[in-house]
Amino acid sequence: QVRLVESGGGLVQAGGSLRLSCAASGLTFSSYPMAWFRQAPGKEREFVAHIGRSGSSTYYAESVKGRFTISRDNAKNTLYLQMNSLKPDDTAVYYCAAGPQGYRSVPTLRHQYDYWGQGTQVTVSL
């Protein structure tokens, strides 16, 4: 049974930082590209960042480029999202996702991913 468990969310002031983690089990973690998505109240779930299997390739949504860093530790089966210079617009539930294993261009759509975590809440106050 595949499990993705996010942690590290919380309440932070604008300009602050948070580091999210996603612990994976039940799958060969190093075989899966991984991603972070987020969903704000009343909005669609949106792509945030993607990382390849080895961690050498990354891709970001324009809204977070230069502020967020996605990384992974395949030895620990864990995905990370370092979030700096947080803004109130970053407030959302953040989800990690695994897959797809084959793609031509970086997958940024929800339906393209195989497995999802339950999410962790990030709230950024003024």
Foldseek 3Di string as FASTA:
>chain_A
DKAWAKDFADEEAAQAKIKMKIAIDDDQLLLWKKFKWWDDPPGDIWGAKIAHSVRPDIDGDPVQPPFKDWGDDSVRRMIMIIGGRDDQVVWTWMKMFIDDNDDDDDDTDPVGTDDIHPTDTHGYHD
